[in-house]
């Protein structure tokens, strides 16, 4: 422990960039709430007013899903197989599917990524807490749709640069790799670490941020 890269014997420092996983959701929530504060939408608006595809729980098709529900993990949206399949471990350092394309396929009934019983939970929207990574991917995409700026660029311009977070970024291709920690897996039985490599996933606003 204490190394940003074990093989290179490169120590972790206060400037080392780590992938912060779901702490990334804090930034996504900040971005969407900036736009709400500016009056671009209301928290209880139906998100379908702002999307090019329809998001409805097929078990409750008449019930709208709102920004407030996504933010509070009560939107009845589950993390189906397509979410996990989009991880690029061993394939690519960054997402290979654009966020909007991934989500459109996830919510379109005739798409291979659509699973009525796995992409949604069987509870009415707004009534049950169920942690949802896809819900935060939707919030990131809503930032894009409302601001007309790609989500990663919106965060850079409106959040990171004003805060002086000049090394922070969503994609491996946009950060200084000499400052980045290598992600590792740990084998408790053999007490050994294995480098996973840098990776991404399509629904990146839920957990792909790298920062010190």
N, C-alpha and C. Protein backbone atom coordinates (compact mmCIF):
# COMPACT_ATOMS: atom_id res chain seq x y z
N UNK A 1 0.83 -1.20 0.00
CA UNK A 1 0.00 0.00 0.00
C UNK A 1 0.87 1.25 0.00
N UNK A 2 0.29 2.35 -0.48
CA UNK A 2 1.03 3.59 -0.55
C UNK A 2 1.56 3.92 -1.93
N UNK A 3 1.41 2.97 -2.85
CA UNK A 3 1.86 3.20 -4.22
C UNK A 3 0.69 3.54 -5.14
N UNK A 4 0.90 4.52 -6.02
CA UNK A 4 -0.06 4.80 -7.08
C UNK A 4 0.07 3.77 -8.19
N UNK A 5 1.30 3.21 -8.32
CA UNK A 5 1.56 2.14 -9.27
C UNK A 5 2.59 1.21 -8.64
N UNK A 6 2.18 0.00 -8.34
CA UNK A 6 3.06 -0.93 -7.62
C UNK A 6 4.24 -1.35 -8.47
N UNK A 7 3.95 -1.67 -9.74
CA UNK A 7 5.01 -2.15 -10.62
C UNK A 7 6.10 -1.10 -10.84
N UNK A 8 5.69 0.15 -10.96
CA UNK A 8 6.63 1.24 -11.18
C UNK A 8 7.20 1.80 -9.87
N UNK A 9 6.70 1.29 -8.74
CA UNK A 9 7.09 1.79 -7.42
C UNK A 9 6.87 3.31 -7.33
N UNK A 10 5.80 3.77 -7.93
CA UNK A 10 5.48 5.20 -7.94
C UNK A 10 4.57 5.49 -6.75
N UNK A 11 5.00 6.32 -5.80
CA UNK A 11 4.19 6.54 -4.59
C UNK A 11 2.97 7.41 -4.85
N UNK A 12 1.94 7.19 -4.07
CA UNK A 12 0.78 8.07 -4.08
C UNK A 12 1.12 9.36 -3.36
N UNK A 13 0.65 10.48 -3.90
CA UNK A 13 0.87 11.79 -3.29
C UNK A 13 -0.46 12.54 -3.20
N UNK A 14 -0.42 13.74 -2.69
CA UNK A 14 -1.64 14.55 -2.62
C UNK A 14 -2.13 14.95 -4.01
N UNK A 15 -1.29 14.80 -5.02
CA UNK A 15 -1.69 15.14 -6.39
C UNK A 15 -2.09 13.93 -7.22
N UNK A 16 -2.02 12.73 -6.63
CA UNK A 16 -2.39 11.53 -7.38
C UNK A 16 -3.88 11.54 -7.71
N UNK A 17 -4.20 11.19 -8.96
CA UNK A 17 -5.59 11.12 -9.40
C UNK A 17 -6.12 9.71 -9.19
N UNK A 18 -7.21 9.60 -8.47
CA UNK A 18 -7.87 8.32 -8.25
C UNK A 18 -9.26 8.35 -8.90
N UNK A 19 -9.68 7.21 -9.40
CA UNK A 19 -11.07 7.10 -9.86
C UNK A 19 -11.93 6.99 -8.62
N UNK A 20 -12.84 7.95 -8.43
CA UNK A 20 -13.54 8.06 -7.14
C UNK A 20 -14.90 7.37 -7.13
N UNK A 21 -15.17 6.58 -8.17
CA UNK A 21 -16.37 5.75 -8.21
C UNK A 21 -17.63 6.59 -7.94
N UNK A 22 -18.51 6.10 -7.09
CA UNK A 22 -19.82 6.75 -6.96
C UNK A 22 -19.80 8.10 -6.24
N UNK A 23 -18.65 8.48 -5.68
CA UNK A 23 -18.54 9.86 -5.18
C UNK A 23 -18.69 10.83 -6.36
N UNK A 24 -18.48 10.33 -7.57
CA UNK A 24 -18.70 11.13 -8.79
C UNK A 24 -20.14 11.67 -8.85
N UNK A 25 -21.07 10.96 -8.24
CA UNK A 25 -22.47 11.39 -8.30
C UNK A 25 -22.67 12.76 -7.67
N UNK A 26 -21.81 13.15 -6.75
CA UNK A 26 -21.88 14.49 -6.16
C UNK A 26 -21.73 15.56 -7.23
N UNK A 27 -20.80 15.33 -8.16
CA UNK A 27 -20.56 16.29 -9.24
C UNK A 27 -21.74 16.30 -10.21
N UNK A 28 -22.26 15.12 -10.54
CA UNK A 28 -23.41 15.05 -11.45
C UNK A 28 -24.61 15.76 -10.85
N UNK A 29 -24.85 15.55 -9.57
CA UNK A 29 -25.96 16.24 -8.91
C UNK A 29 -25.74 17.75 -8.89
N UNK A 30 -24.48 18.18 -8.69
CA UNK A 30 -24.17 19.61 -8.70
C UNK A 30 -24.48 20.21 -10.07
N UNK A 31 -24.09 19.51 -11.12
CA UNK A 31 -24.31 20.01 -12.48
C UNK A 31 -25.79 20.19 -12.77
N UNK A 32 -26.59 19.18 -12.46
CA UNK A 32 -28.02 19.28 -12.77
C UNK A 32 -28.69 20.34 -11.90
N UNK A 33 -28.23 20.48 -10.66
CA UNK A 33 -28.84 21.48 -9.78
C UNK A 33 -28.43 22.90 -10.15
N UNK A 34 -27.26 23.08 -10.76
CA UNK A 34 -26.93 24.40 -11.30
C UNK A 34 -27.96 24.83 -12.34
N UNK A 35 -28.31 23.89 -13.23
CA UNK A 35 -29.27 24.21 -14.29
C UNK A 35 -30.67 24.42 -13.71
N UNK A 36 -31.00 23.68 -12.66
CA UNK A 36 -32.30 23.90 -12.00
C UNK A 36 -32.33 25.28 -11.36
N UNK A 37 -31.24 25.65 -10.72
CA UNK A 37 -31.15 26.95 -10.05
C UNK A 37 -31.28 28.10 -11.05
N UNK A 38 -30.83 27.85 -12.28
CA UNK A 38 -30.93 28.86 -13.34
C UNK A 38 -32.31 28.91 -13.99
N UNK A 39 -33.20 28.03 -13.55
CA UNK A 39 -34.58 28.07 -14.02
C UNK A 39 -34.86 27.28 -15.29
N UNK A 40 -33.98 26.37 -15.68
CA UNK A 40 -34.17 25.62 -16.91
C UNK A 40 -35.21 24.50 -16.78
N UNK A 41 -35.50 24.09 -15.56
CA UNK A 41 -36.52 23.06 -15.33
C UNK A 41 -36.90 23.09 -13.85
N UNK A 42 -37.95 22.34 -13.51
CA UNK A 42 -38.37 22.17 -12.13
C UNK A 42 -38.09 20.73 -11.70
N UNK A 43 -37.79 20.54 -10.44
CA UNK A 43 -37.42 19.21 -9.96
C UNK A 43 -38.52 18.18 -10.17
N UNK A 44 -39.76 18.61 -10.20
CA UNK A 44 -40.86 17.67 -10.36
C UNK A 44 -41.37 17.59 -11.79
N UNK A 45 -40.61 18.11 -12.75
CA UNK A 45 -40.93 17.95 -14.16
C UNK A 45 -40.72 16.50 -14.58
N UNK A 46 -41.53 16.05 -15.54
CA UNK A 46 -41.31 14.77 -16.19
C UNK A 46 -40.04 14.88 -17.04
N UNK A 47 -39.08 13.98 -16.83
CA UNK A 47 -37.82 14.06 -17.57
C UNK A 47 -38.03 13.87 -19.07
N UNK A 48 -39.14 13.25 -19.46
CA UNK A 48 -39.40 13.01 -20.88
C UNK A 48 -39.57 14.31 -21.67
N UNK A 49 -39.84 15.41 -20.98
CA UNK A 49 -39.94 16.70 -21.65
C UNK A 49 -38.59 17.13 -22.23
N UNK A 50 -37.51 16.54 -21.75
CA UNK A 50 -36.17 17.01 -22.10
C UNK A 50 -35.33 15.94 -22.81
N UNK A 51 -35.94 14.81 -23.16
CA UNK A 51 -35.20 13.69 -23.75
C UNK A 51 -35.70 13.38 -25.16
N UNK A 52 -34.83 12.86 -26.03
CA UNK A 52 -35.24 12.47 -27.38
C UNK A 52 -35.82 11.06 -27.44
N UNK A 53 -35.84 10.36 -26.32
CA UNK A 53 -36.44 9.03 -26.22
C UNK A 53 -37.29 9.00 -24.95
N UNK A 54 -38.17 8.02 -24.84
CA UNK A 54 -39.12 7.98 -23.73
C UNK A 54 -38.61 7.08 -22.61
N UNK A 55 -38.73 7.56 -21.38
CA UNK A 55 -38.36 6.78 -20.20
C UNK A 55 -39.62 6.56 -19.36
N UNK A 56 -40.08 5.32 -19.36
CA UNK A 56 -41.24 4.94 -18.56
C UNK A 56 -41.00 3.53 -18.02
N UNK A 57 -41.39 3.32 -16.77
CA UNK A 57 -41.35 1.98 -16.19
C UNK A 57 -42.49 1.19 -16.80
N UNK A 58 -42.19 0.09 -17.53
CA UNK A 58 -43.26 -0.65 -18.21
C UNK A 58 -44.29 -1.24 -17.26
N UNK A 59 -43.94 -1.38 -15.98
CA UNK A 59 -44.88 -1.88 -14.99
C UNK A 59 -45.85 -0.79 -14.55
N UNK A 60 -45.47 0.47 -14.75
CA UNK A 60 -46.30 1.63 -14.39
C UNK A 60 -46.18 2.67 -15.50
N UNK A 61 -46.64 2.36 -16.70
CA UNK A 61 -46.39 3.22 -17.86
C UNK A 61 -47.03 4.60 -17.80
N UNK A 62 -48.02 4.77 -16.95
CA UNK A 62 -48.69 6.07 -16.87
C UNK A 62 -48.03 7.00 -15.85
N UNK A 63 -47.08 6.49 -15.09
CA UNK A 63 -46.45 7.27 -14.03
C UNK A 63 -45.18 7.95 -14.56
N UNK A 64 -45.11 9.25 -14.38
CA UNK A 64 -43.94 9.98 -14.85
C UNK A 64 -42.76 9.79 -13.90
N UNK A 65 -41.56 9.93 -14.45
CA UNK A 65 -40.32 9.90 -13.68
C UNK A 65 -39.73 11.30 -13.72
N UNK A 66 -39.39 11.84 -12.56
CA UNK A 66 -38.97 13.23 -12.45
C UNK A 66 -37.49 13.36 -12.08
N UNK A 67 -36.99 14.58 -12.20
CA UNK A 67 -35.62 14.87 -11.78
C UNK A 67 -35.44 14.54 -10.30
N UNK A 68 -36.41 14.90 -9.48
CA UNK A 68 -36.31 14.66 -8.05
C UNK A 68 -36.18 13.15 -7.76
N UNK A 69 -36.92 12.34 -8.51
CA UNK A 69 -36.84 10.89 -8.32
C UNK A 69 -35.47 10.36 -8.68
N UNK A 70 -34.91 10.83 -9.79
CA UNK A 70 -33.57 10.37 -10.17
C UNK A 70 -32.55 10.75 -9.11
N UNK A 71 -32.61 11.97 -8.63
CA UNK A 71 -31.66 12.46 -7.63
C UNK A 71 -31.76 11.69 -6.32
N UNK A 72 -32.95 11.22 -5.98
CA UNK A 72 -33.17 10.54 -4.70
C UNK A 72 -33.23 9.02 -4.85
N UNK A 73 -32.86 8.49 -6.02
CA UNK A 73 -32.85 7.05 -6.27
C UNK A 73 -34.22 6.42 -6.05
N UNK A 74 -35.26 7.13 -6.43
CA UNK A 74 -36.62 6.59 -6.32
C UNK A 74 -37.32 6.55 -7.69
N UNK A 75 -36.53 6.56 -8.77
CA UNK A 75 -37.11 6.60 -10.11
C UNK A 75 -37.52 5.24 -10.65
N UNK A 76 -37.34 4.18 -9.89
CA UNK A 76 -37.72 2.80 -10.24
C UNK A 76 -36.90 2.26 -11.42
N UNK A 77 -35.70 2.79 -11.62
CA UNK A 77 -34.82 2.35 -12.70
C UNK A 77 -33.71 1.48 -12.13
N UNK A 78 -33.58 0.28 -12.69
CA UNK A 78 -32.56 -0.66 -12.22
C UNK A 78 -31.33 -0.65 -13.10
N UNK A 79 -30.27 -1.28 -12.62
CA UNK A 79 -29.04 -1.43 -13.39
C UNK A 79 -29.05 -2.81 -14.05
N UNK A 80 -29.56 -2.86 -15.29
CA UNK A 80 -29.71 -4.11 -16.00
C UNK A 80 -28.41 -4.62 -16.60
N UNK A 81 -28.47 -5.76 -17.31
CA UNK A 81 -27.26 -6.37 -17.88
C UNK A 81 -26.46 -5.44 -18.78
N UNK A 82 -27.13 -4.59 -19.55
CA UNK A 82 -26.42 -3.70 -20.47
C UNK A 82 -25.49 -2.75 -19.73
N UNK A 83 -25.87 -2.39 -18.48
CA UNK A 83 -25.01 -1.50 -17.69
C UNK A 83 -23.66 -2.16 -17.45
N UNK A 84 -23.67 -3.39 -16.99
CA UNK A 84 -22.43 -4.09 -16.66
C UNK A 84 -21.68 -4.49 -17.92
N UNK A 85 -22.40 -4.79 -18.98
CA UNK A 85 -21.75 -5.18 -20.23
C UNK A 85 -20.96 -4.03 -20.86
N UNK A 86 -21.27 -2.79 -20.48
CA UNK A 86 -20.60 -1.65 -21.11
C UNK A 86 -19.23 -1.36 -20.51
N UNK A 87 -18.86 -2.04 -19.42
CA UNK A 87 -17.53 -1.85 -18.84
C UNK A 87 -16.46 -2.30 -19.83
N UNK A 88 -15.41 -1.51 -19.97
CA UNK A 88 -14.40 -1.77 -21.01
C UNK A 88 -13.12 -2.39 -20.46
N UNK A 89 -13.17 -3.03 -19.31
CA UNK A 89 -11.97 -3.61 -18.70
C UNK A 89 -11.33 -4.58 -19.68
N UNK A 90 -10.05 -4.37 -19.96
CA UNK A 90 -9.31 -5.21 -20.87
C UNK A 90 -9.53 -4.89 -22.34
N UNK A 91 -10.35 -3.87 -22.63
CA UNK A 91 -10.67 -3.55 -24.02
C UNK A 91 -10.28 -2.12 -24.39
N UNK A 92 -10.68 -1.16 -23.58
CA UNK A 92 -10.46 0.25 -23.89
C UNK A 92 -10.32 1.04 -22.60
N UNK A 93 -9.58 2.13 -22.64
CA UNK A 93 -9.40 2.95 -21.45
C UNK A 93 -10.60 3.85 -21.19
N UNK A 94 -11.41 4.10 -22.21
CA UNK A 94 -12.54 5.01 -22.07
C UNK A 94 -13.79 4.39 -22.70
N UNK A 95 -14.97 4.95 -22.42
CA UNK A 95 -16.21 4.40 -23.00
C UNK A 95 -16.13 4.34 -24.52
N UNK A 96 -16.73 3.29 -25.08
CA UNK A 96 -16.74 3.13 -26.53
C UNK A 96 -18.11 3.43 -27.12
N UNK A 97 -19.11 3.64 -26.26
CA UNK A 97 -20.47 3.98 -26.69
C UNK A 97 -20.82 5.35 -26.13
N UNK A 98 -21.26 6.31 -26.96
CA UNK A 98 -21.67 7.62 -26.44
C UNK A 98 -22.80 7.48 -25.42
N UNK A 99 -22.79 8.33 -24.42
CA UNK A 99 -23.78 8.28 -23.34
C UNK A 99 -25.20 8.27 -23.87
N UNK A 100 -25.53 9.17 -24.79
CA UNK A 100 -26.88 9.26 -25.30
C UNK A 100 -27.31 8.02 -26.06
N UNK A 101 -26.40 7.45 -26.85
CA UNK A 101 -26.71 6.23 -27.60
C UNK A 101 -26.94 5.06 -26.65
N UNK A 102 -26.12 4.97 -25.62
CA UNK A 102 -26.27 3.89 -24.64
C UNK A 102 -27.62 3.97 -23.95
N UNK A 103 -28.00 5.16 -23.50
CA UNK A 103 -29.26 5.32 -22.77
C UNK A 103 -30.46 5.12 -23.68
N UNK A 104 -30.38 5.61 -24.91
CA UNK A 104 -31.49 5.42 -25.86
C UNK A 104 -31.75 3.92 -26.06
N UNK A 105 -30.69 3.14 -26.21
CA UNK A 105 -30.85 1.69 -26.38
C UNK A 105 -31.40 1.06 -25.11
N UNK A 106 -30.97 1.54 -23.96
CA UNK A 106 -31.38 0.98 -22.67
C UNK A 106 -32.88 1.12 -22.45
N UNK A 107 -33.46 2.22 -22.96
CA UNK A 107 -34.86 2.52 -22.69
C UNK A 107 -35.79 2.30 -23.89
N UNK A 108 -35.27 1.81 -24.99
CA UNK A 108 -36.10 1.58 -26.18
C UNK A 108 -36.53 0.12 -26.24
N UNK A 109 -37.83 -0.17 -26.16
CA UNK A 109 -38.30 -1.56 -26.03
C UNK A 109 -37.82 -2.55 -27.08
N UNK A 110 -37.58 -2.14 -28.31
CA UNK A 110 -37.16 -3.11 -29.33
C UNK A 110 -35.64 -3.23 -29.43
N UNK A 111 -34.92 -2.67 -28.45
CA UNK A 111 -33.46 -2.74 -28.45
C UNK A 111 -32.97 -3.98 -27.70
N UNK A 112 -31.83 -4.57 -28.11
CA UNK A 112 -31.27 -5.71 -27.38
C UNK A 112 -30.89 -5.36 -25.94
N UNK A 113 -30.67 -4.07 -25.66
CA UNK A 113 -30.29 -3.64 -24.30
C UNK A 113 -31.48 -3.50 -23.37
N UNK A 114 -32.69 -3.60 -23.91
CA UNK A 114 -33.90 -3.36 -23.12
C UNK A 114 -34.39 -4.65 -22.46
N UNK A 115 -34.57 -4.61 -21.14
CA UNK A 115 -35.13 -5.72 -20.39
C UNK A 115 -36.15 -5.15 -19.40
N UNK A 116 -37.42 -5.39 -19.64
CA UNK A 116 -38.47 -4.79 -18.82
C UNK A 116 -38.32 -5.14 -17.34
N UNK A 117 -37.90 -6.38 -17.05
CA UNK A 117 -37.83 -6.82 -15.66
C UNK A 117 -36.47 -6.62 -15.01
N UNK A 118 -35.46 -6.22 -15.82
CA UNK A 118 -34.13 -6.02 -15.26
C UNK A 118 -33.69 -4.55 -15.31
N UNK A 119 -34.21 -3.81 -16.26
CA UNK A 119 -33.86 -2.39 -16.35
C UNK A 119 -34.73 -1.53 -15.44
N UNK A 120 -35.75 -2.15 -14.86
CA UNK A 120 -36.67 -1.43 -13.96
C UNK A 120 -36.98 -2.32 -12.77
N UNK A 121 -37.41 -1.70 -11.67
CA UNK A 121 -37.91 -2.46 -10.54
C UNK A 121 -39.42 -2.40 -10.57
N UNK A 122 -40.07 -3.39 -9.97
CA UNK A 122 -41.53 -3.45 -10.00
C UNK A 122 -42.12 -2.68 -8.82
N UNK A 123 -41.84 -1.39 -8.81
CA UNK A 123 -42.41 -0.46 -7.83
C UNK A 123 -42.74 0.83 -8.54
N UNK A 124 -43.80 1.46 -8.12
CA UNK A 124 -44.23 2.71 -8.74
C UNK A 124 -43.16 3.79 -8.56
N UNK A 125 -42.83 4.53 -9.61
CA UNK A 125 -41.85 5.61 -9.47
C UNK A 125 -42.20 6.55 -8.32
N UNK A 126 -41.18 6.86 -7.52
CA UNK A 126 -41.37 7.79 -6.41
C UNK A 126 -41.73 7.14 -5.09
N UNK A 127 -41.86 5.80 -5.07
CA UNK A 127 -42.35 5.15 -3.85
C UNK A 127 -41.31 4.30 -3.13
N UNK A 128 -40.22 3.95 -3.81
CA UNK A 128 -39.26 3.03 -3.20
C UNK A 128 -37.83 3.46 -3.50
N UNK A 129 -37.00 3.44 -2.48
CA UNK A 129 -35.57 3.73 -2.65
C UNK A 129 -34.88 2.51 -3.23
N UNK A 130 -34.25 2.69 -4.39
CA UNK A 130 -33.48 1.61 -5.02
C UNK A 130 -32.31 2.25 -5.75
N UNK A 131 -31.11 2.03 -5.23
CA UNK A 131 -29.92 2.69 -5.77
C UNK A 131 -29.81 2.45 -7.27
N UNK A 132 -29.60 3.56 -8.00
CA UNK A 132 -29.65 3.48 -9.46
C UNK A 132 -28.49 4.22 -10.10
N UNK A 133 -27.52 3.48 -10.64
CA UNK A 133 -26.46 4.09 -11.42
C UNK A 133 -27.00 4.66 -12.73
N UNK A 134 -27.89 3.92 -13.37
CA UNK A 134 -28.47 4.37 -14.63
C UNK A 134 -29.21 5.69 -14.43
N UNK A 135 -29.86 5.85 -13.29
CA UNK A 135 -30.55 7.11 -13.00
C UNK A 135 -29.61 8.30 -13.04
N UNK A 136 -28.38 8.11 -12.56
CA UNK A 136 -27.43 9.21 -12.59
C UNK A 136 -26.79 9.38 -13.96
N UNK A 137 -26.73 8.32 -14.74
CA UNK A 137 -26.35 8.48 -16.13
C UNK A 137 -27.37 9.35 -16.86
N UNK A 138 -28.65 9.11 -16.57
CA UNK A 138 -29.71 9.94 -17.16
C UNK A 138 -29.56 11.40 -16.75
N UNK A 139 -29.23 11.65 -15.49
CA UNK A 139 -29.05 13.04 -15.04
C UNK A 139 -27.90 13.70 -15.80
N UNK A 140 -26.82 12.96 -16.01
CA UNK A 140 -25.72 13.52 -16.79
C UNK A 140 -26.14 13.83 -18.22
N UNK A 141 -26.92 12.93 -18.81
CA UNK A 141 -27.39 13.17 -20.17
C UNK A 141 -28.38 14.33 -20.22
N UNK A 142 -29.17 14.49 -19.19
CA UNK A 142 -30.09 15.63 -19.12
C UNK A 142 -29.31 16.94 -19.04
N UNK A 143 -28.17 16.93 -18.37
CA UNK A 143 -27.30 18.12 -18.38
C UNK A 143 -26.91 18.45 -19.82
N UNK A 144 -26.53 17.43 -20.59
CA UNK A 144 -26.18 17.64 -22.01
C UNK A 144 -27.35 18.22 -22.79
N UNK A 145 -28.52 17.64 -22.62
CA UNK A 145 -29.68 18.06 -23.40
C UNK A 145 -30.12 19.48 -23.07
N UNK A 146 -30.06 19.84 -21.80
CA UNK A 146 -30.53 21.16 -21.37
C UNK A 146 -29.50 22.25 -21.66
N UNK A 147 -28.21 21.92 -21.49
CA UNK A 147 -27.16 22.93 -21.67
C UNK A 147 -26.62 22.99 -23.10
N UNK A 148 -26.89 21.93 -23.88
CA UNK A 148 -26.33 21.81 -25.24
C UNK A 148 -24.80 21.73 -25.22
N UNK A 149 -24.26 21.19 -24.13
CA UNK A 149 -22.81 20.99 -23.98
C UNK A 149 -22.59 19.55 -23.54
N UNK A 150 -21.62 18.82 -24.12
CA UNK A 150 -21.33 17.47 -23.63
C UNK A 150 -21.09 17.49 -22.12
N UNK A 151 -21.58 16.46 -21.43
CA UNK A 151 -21.54 16.46 -19.97
C UNK A 151 -20.15 16.68 -19.41
N UNK A 152 -19.15 16.00 -19.97
CA UNK A 152 -17.79 16.15 -19.44
C UNK A 152 -17.28 17.58 -19.63
N UNK A 153 -17.64 18.20 -20.76
CA UNK A 153 -17.22 19.57 -21.01
C UNK A 153 -17.98 20.56 -20.13
N UNK A 154 -19.24 20.30 -19.89
CA UNK A 154 -20.01 21.15 -18.98
C UNK A 154 -19.35 21.16 -17.59
N UNK A 155 -19.01 19.97 -17.10
CA UNK A 155 -18.39 19.90 -15.77
C UNK A 155 -17.06 20.64 -15.72
N UNK A 156 -16.28 20.50 -16.78
CA UNK A 156 -14.99 21.20 -16.83
C UNK A 156 -15.20 22.71 -16.77
N UNK A 157 -16.12 23.21 -17.58
CA UNK A 157 -16.33 24.64 -17.70
C UNK A 157 -17.03 25.25 -16.49
N UNK A 158 -18.04 24.56 -15.98
CA UNK A 158 -18.90 25.16 -14.96
C UNK A 158 -18.58 24.74 -13.53
N UNK A 159 -17.79 23.69 -13.36
CA UNK A 159 -17.50 23.21 -12.00
C UNK A 159 -16.00 23.14 -11.74
N UNK A 160 -15.27 22.39 -12.56
CA UNK A 160 -13.86 22.14 -12.25
C UNK A 160 -13.00 23.39 -12.40
N UNK A 161 -13.11 24.08 -13.52
CA UNK A 161 -12.27 25.27 -13.72
C UNK A 161 -12.56 26.37 -12.70
N UNK A 162 -13.84 26.69 -12.40
CA UNK A 162 -14.08 27.69 -11.37
C UNK A 162 -13.51 27.31 -10.00
N UNK A 163 -13.41 26.01 -9.70
CA UNK A 163 -12.89 25.55 -8.42
C UNK A 163 -11.38 25.32 -8.44
N UNK A 164 -10.75 25.54 -9.60
CA UNK A 164 -9.31 25.30 -9.71
C UNK A 164 -8.95 23.84 -9.77
N UNK A 165 -9.91 22.97 -10.13
CA UNK A 165 -9.67 21.53 -10.22
C UNK A 165 -9.19 21.20 -11.63
N UNK A 166 -8.00 21.68 -11.97
CA UNK A 166 -7.54 21.65 -13.35
C UNK A 166 -7.03 20.27 -13.79
N UNK A 167 -6.82 19.36 -12.86
CA UNK A 167 -6.36 18.01 -13.22
C UNK A 167 -7.50 17.00 -13.22
N UNK A 168 -8.69 17.41 -12.82
CA UNK A 168 -9.84 16.51 -12.69
C UNK A 168 -10.48 16.27 -14.04
N UNK A 169 -10.92 15.03 -14.30
CA UNK A 169 -11.59 14.74 -15.55
C UNK A 169 -12.31 13.41 -15.51
N UNK A 170 -13.22 13.22 -16.47
CA UNK A 170 -14.02 11.99 -16.54
C UNK A 170 -13.34 10.87 -17.32
N UNK A 171 -12.50 11.24 -18.30
CA UNK A 171 -11.96 10.24 -19.22
C UNK A 171 -10.45 10.09 -19.04
N UNK A 172 -9.98 8.84 -19.14
CA UNK A 172 -8.54 8.59 -19.02
C UNK A 172 -7.74 9.32 -20.08
N UNK A 173 -8.33 9.46 -21.26
CA UNK A 173 -7.63 10.13 -22.34
C UNK A 173 -7.46 11.63 -22.15
N UNK A 174 -8.14 12.17 -21.13
CA UNK A 174 -8.10 13.62 -20.89
C UNK A 174 -7.31 14.00 -19.65
N UNK A 175 -6.73 13.01 -18.96
CA UNK A 175 -6.00 13.31 -17.73
C UNK A 175 -4.52 13.00 -17.92
N UNK A 176 -3.70 13.47 -16.97
CA UNK A 176 -2.27 13.21 -16.97
C UNK A 176 -2.02 11.84 -16.34
N UNK A 177 -1.68 10.85 -17.17
CA UNK A 177 -1.51 9.48 -16.68
C UNK A 177 -0.35 9.37 -15.68
N UNK A 178 0.61 10.28 -15.75
CA UNK A 178 1.72 10.24 -14.80
C UNK A 178 1.26 10.58 -13.39
N UNK A 179 0.07 11.17 -13.28
CA UNK A 179 -0.49 11.49 -11.96
C UNK A 179 -1.55 10.49 -11.53
N UNK A 180 -1.94 9.57 -12.43
CA UNK A 180 -3.08 8.70 -12.16
C UNK A 180 -2.68 7.41 -11.48
N UNK A 181 -3.43 7.02 -10.47
CA UNK A 181 -3.22 5.73 -9.82
C UNK A 181 -3.74 4.61 -10.70
N UNK A 182 -3.04 3.51 -10.73
CA UNK A 182 -3.50 2.32 -11.44
C UNK A 182 -4.58 1.63 -10.61
N UNK A 183 -5.72 1.31 -11.19
CA UNK A 183 -6.73 0.52 -10.46
C UNK A 183 -6.25 -0.93 -10.27
N UNK A 184 -6.41 -1.47 -9.07
CA UNK A 184 -5.99 -2.84 -8.77
C UNK A 184 -7.14 -3.65 -8.18
N UNK A 185 -7.06 -4.96 -8.43
CA UNK A 185 -7.88 -5.90 -7.69
C UNK A 185 -7.01 -6.55 -6.63
N UNK A 186 -7.64 -7.07 -5.58
CA UNK A 186 -6.86 -7.69 -4.49
C UNK A 186 -7.35 -9.12 -4.26
N UNK A 187 -6.42 -10.04 -4.25
CA UNK A 187 -6.69 -11.44 -3.95
C UNK A 187 -6.37 -11.67 -2.49
N UNK A 188 -7.40 -11.76 -1.65
CA UNK A 188 -7.18 -11.89 -0.21
C UNK A 188 -6.51 -13.21 0.15
N UNK A 189 -6.78 -14.28 -0.61
CA UNK A 189 -6.20 -15.57 -0.31
C UNK A 189 -4.70 -15.56 -0.52
N UNK A 190 -4.26 -14.98 -1.63
CA UNK A 190 -2.83 -14.94 -1.94
C UNK A 190 -2.16 -13.65 -1.48
N UNK A 191 -2.95 -12.75 -0.92
CA UNK A 191 -2.45 -11.45 -0.48
C UNK A 191 -1.65 -10.76 -1.58
N UNK A 192 -2.26 -10.68 -2.76
CA UNK A 192 -1.58 -10.08 -3.90
C UNK A 192 -2.50 -9.13 -4.65
N UNK A 193 -1.89 -8.13 -5.27
CA UNK A 193 -2.62 -7.15 -6.07
C UNK A 193 -2.42 -7.44 -7.56
N UNK A 194 -3.48 -7.26 -8.34
CA UNK A 194 -3.40 -7.43 -9.79
C UNK A 194 -3.90 -6.16 -10.45
N UNK A 195 -3.09 -5.60 -11.34
CA UNK A 195 -3.50 -4.39 -12.06
C UNK A 195 -4.68 -4.70 -12.96
N UNK A 196 -5.76 -3.94 -12.80
CA UNK A 196 -6.94 -4.09 -13.65
C UNK A 196 -6.73 -3.35 -14.97
N UNK A 197 -5.99 -2.26 -14.90
CA UNK A 197 -5.82 -1.39 -16.06
C UNK A 197 -6.85 -0.27 -16.04
N UNK A 198 -6.59 0.75 -16.82
CA UNK A 198 -7.54 1.87 -16.91
C UNK A 198 -8.72 1.44 -17.76
N UNK A 199 -9.91 1.84 -17.36
CA UNK A 199 -11.12 1.40 -18.04
C UNK A 199 -12.21 2.47 -17.95
N UNK A 200 -13.28 2.24 -18.68
CA UNK A 200 -14.41 3.15 -18.64
C UNK A 200 -15.71 2.38 -18.75
N UNK A 201 -16.82 3.10 -18.82
CA UNK A 201 -18.13 2.50 -19.08
C UNK A 201 -19.05 3.59 -19.61
N UNK A 202 -20.04 3.19 -20.37
CA UNK A 202 -20.87 4.13 -21.12
C UNK A 202 -21.63 5.10 -20.23
N UNK A 203 -22.10 4.62 -19.10
CA UNK A 203 -22.94 5.41 -18.20
C UNK A 203 -22.09 6.25 -17.24
N UNK A 204 -21.06 6.90 -17.78
CA UNK A 204 -19.97 7.43 -16.97
C UNK A 204 -20.32 8.48 -15.91
N UNK A 205 -21.42 9.27 -16.03
CA UNK A 205 -21.69 10.25 -14.98
C UNK A 205 -21.97 9.65 -13.60
N UNK A 206 -22.16 8.32 -13.53
CA UNK A 206 -22.44 7.73 -12.23
C UNK A 206 -21.18 7.38 -11.46
N UNK A 207 -19.97 7.34 -12.12
CA UNK A 207 -18.83 6.92 -11.31
C UNK A 207 -17.47 6.88 -11.95
N UNK A 208 -17.23 7.66 -13.00
CA UNK A 208 -15.96 7.53 -13.71
C UNK A 208 -15.01 8.70 -13.47
N UNK A 209 -15.34 9.60 -12.55
CA UNK A 209 -14.50 10.78 -12.35
C UNK A 209 -13.16 10.42 -11.73
N UNK A 210 -12.10 11.11 -12.22
CA UNK A 210 -10.76 10.96 -11.66
C UNK A 210 -10.34 12.30 -11.08
N UNK A 211 -9.92 12.30 -9.83
CA UNK A 211 -9.52 13.55 -9.18
C UNK A 211 -8.58 13.25 -8.03
N UNK A 212 -7.88 14.28 -7.56
CA UNK A 212 -6.94 14.09 -6.45
C UNK A 212 -7.66 14.27 -5.12
